[in-house]
């Protein structure tokens, strides 16, 4: 009445292959040797070269970032004072022109014409 169930599912149908550890390789078997899925065959030296280039570029970039000069300390107080003074003089001249146009100030002053 009781059916026995096997824990080992058995080998799947179709071509099968085992890797170095004896594990059944089923997924890659149909794709092996296909130039579309494997245009460049895997090689450890090529991977090592690419890894070495990546590490060297990363180290070079970090060194470049560390060696970047700090922003130089410029005293901009004189420039700011000059710009502020110019802006205030210009605002005062505009205010006087508006007052002269509205009739609240005398138009005979210099810079109001």
Protein backbone atom coordinates (compact mmCIF):
# COMPACT_ATOMS: atom_id res chain seq x y z
CA UNK A 1 0.00 0.00 0.00
CA UNK A 2 2.85 2.39 0.71
CA UNK A 3 4.92 3.45 -2.25
CA UNK A 4 8.61 3.91 -1.77
CA UNK A 5 9.99 7.32 -2.77
CA UNK A 6 13.58 7.57 -3.87
CA UNK A 7 15.55 10.58 -2.66
CA UNK A 8 17.94 10.38 -5.61
CA UNK A 9 16.13 11.79 -8.62
CA UNK A 10 18.54 10.07 -10.96
CA UNK A 11 20.29 11.58 -13.92
CA UNK A 12 18.29 13.91 -16.11
CA UNK A 13 17.60 12.87 -19.67
CA UNK A 14 19.99 14.03 -22.37
CA UNK A 15 23.75 14.44 -22.38
CA UNK A 16 25.23 14.78 -18.92
CA UNK A 17 28.67 15.62 -17.67
CA UNK A 18 30.46 15.85 -14.35
CA UNK A 19 32.83 18.63 -13.29
CA UNK A 20 36.04 18.14 -11.31
CA UNK A 21 34.18 17.65 -8.03
CA UNK A 22 31.86 15.07 -9.51
CA UNK A 23 28.84 17.40 -9.55
CA UNK A 24 26.51 16.87 -12.43
CA UNK A 25 26.65 19.74 -14.93
CA UNK A 26 23.40 20.07 -16.82
CA UNK A 27 22.91 23.80 -17.38
CA UNK A 28 26.08 24.58 -19.32
CA UNK A 29 26.14 21.37 -21.34
CA UNK A 30 23.86 22.62 -24.15
CA UNK A 31 25.78 25.90 -24.37
CA UNK A 32 29.27 24.46 -24.43
CA UNK A 33 31.15 25.20 -27.62
CA UNK A 34 28.54 27.69 -28.85
CA UNK A 35 30.40 30.80 -30.08
CA UNK A 36 27.43 33.05 -29.25
CA UNK A 37 27.50 32.25 -25.52
CA UNK A 38 31.26 31.80 -25.25
CA UNK A 39 32.96 34.20 -27.71
CA UNK A 40 36.22 34.29 -25.69
CA UNK A 41 37.20 31.17 -23.89
CA UNK A 42 37.91 31.61 -20.18
CA UNK A 43 41.53 31.73 -19.09
CA UNK A 44 43.04 32.47 -15.70
CA UNK A 45 45.96 34.51 -17.09
CA UNK A 46 43.57 36.82 -18.94
CA UNK A 47 41.48 37.26 -15.80
CA UNK A 48 44.65 37.97 -13.78
CA UNK A 49 45.80 40.61 -16.28
CA UNK A 50 42.41 42.34 -16.23
CA UNK A 51 42.33 42.23 -12.44
CA UNK A 52 45.87 43.67 -12.23
CA UNK A 53 44.95 46.51 -14.60
CA UNK A 54 41.85 47.28 -12.54
CA UNK A 55 43.84 47.33 -9.30
CA UNK A 56 46.54 49.57 -10.78
CA UNK A 57 43.99 52.03 -12.16
CA UNK A 58 42.17 52.12 -8.82
CA UNK A 59 45.40 52.75 -6.89
CA UNK A 60 46.43 55.43 -9.39
CA UNK A 61 43.06 57.18 -9.10
CA UNK A 62 43.21 57.16 -5.29
CA UNK A 63 46.77 58.54 -5.31
CA UNK A 64 45.71 61.24 -7.79
CA UNK A 65 42.81 62.21 -5.51
CA UNK A 66 45.07 62.38 -2.46
CA UNK A 67 47.69 64.49 -4.23
CA UNK A 68 45.22 67.08 -5.50
CA UNK A 69 46.16 70.51 -4.15
CA UNK A 70 43.98 72.18 -1.58
CA UNK A 71 42.10 75.28 -2.55
CA UNK A 72 44.50 78.19 -2.18
CA UNK A 73 43.72 80.71 0.51
CA UNK A 74 42.86 83.96 -1.24
CA UNK A 75 41.98 87.05 0.69
CA UNK A 76 38.79 88.18 -1.03
CA UNK A 77 37.87 90.87 1.50
CA UNK A 78 38.98 93.70 -0.83
CA UNK A 79 37.01 92.28 -3.76
CA UNK A 80 33.88 91.84 -1.67
CA UNK A 81 34.17 95.37 -0.23
CA UNK A 82 34.63 96.85 -3.71
CA UNK A 83 31.64 94.93 -5.12
CA UNK A 84 29.46 95.89 -2.13
CA UNK A 85 30.43 99.57 -2.41
CA UNK A 86 29.71 99.51 -6.16
CA UNK A 87 26.32 97.88 -5.63
CA UNK A 88 25.35 100.41 -2.94
CA UNK A 89 26.39 103.37 -5.13
CA UNK A 90 24.41 101.96 -8.04
CA UNK A 91 21.34 101.34 -5.85
CA UNK A 92 21.60 104.93 -4.50
CA UNK A 93 21.82 106.33 -8.05
CA UNK A 94 18.77 104.31 -9.13
CA UNK A 95 16.86 105.45 -6.05
CA UNK A 96 17.71 109.11 -6.80
CA UNK A 97 16.63 108.70 -10.45
CA UNK A 98 13.32 107.18 -9.39
CA UNK A 99 12.79 110.02 -6.89
CA UNK A 100 13.62 112.57 -9.58
CA UNK A 101 11.21 110.94 -12.04
CA UNK A 102 8.42 110.96 -9.50
CA UNK A 103 9.04 114.61 -8.61
CA UNK A 104 10.28 114.02 -5.08
CA UNK A 105 13.87 115.10 -5.82
CA UNK A 106 15.60 117.86 -7.75
CA UNK A 107 16.64 116.84 -11.27
CA UNK A 108 19.50 119.34 -11.45
CA UNK A 109 21.95 116.99 -9.68
CA UNK A 110 24.66 115.21 -11.63
CA UNK A 111 23.88 111.70 -12.86
CA UNK A 112 20.11 112.22 -12.79
CA UNK A 113 19.70 113.11 -16.43
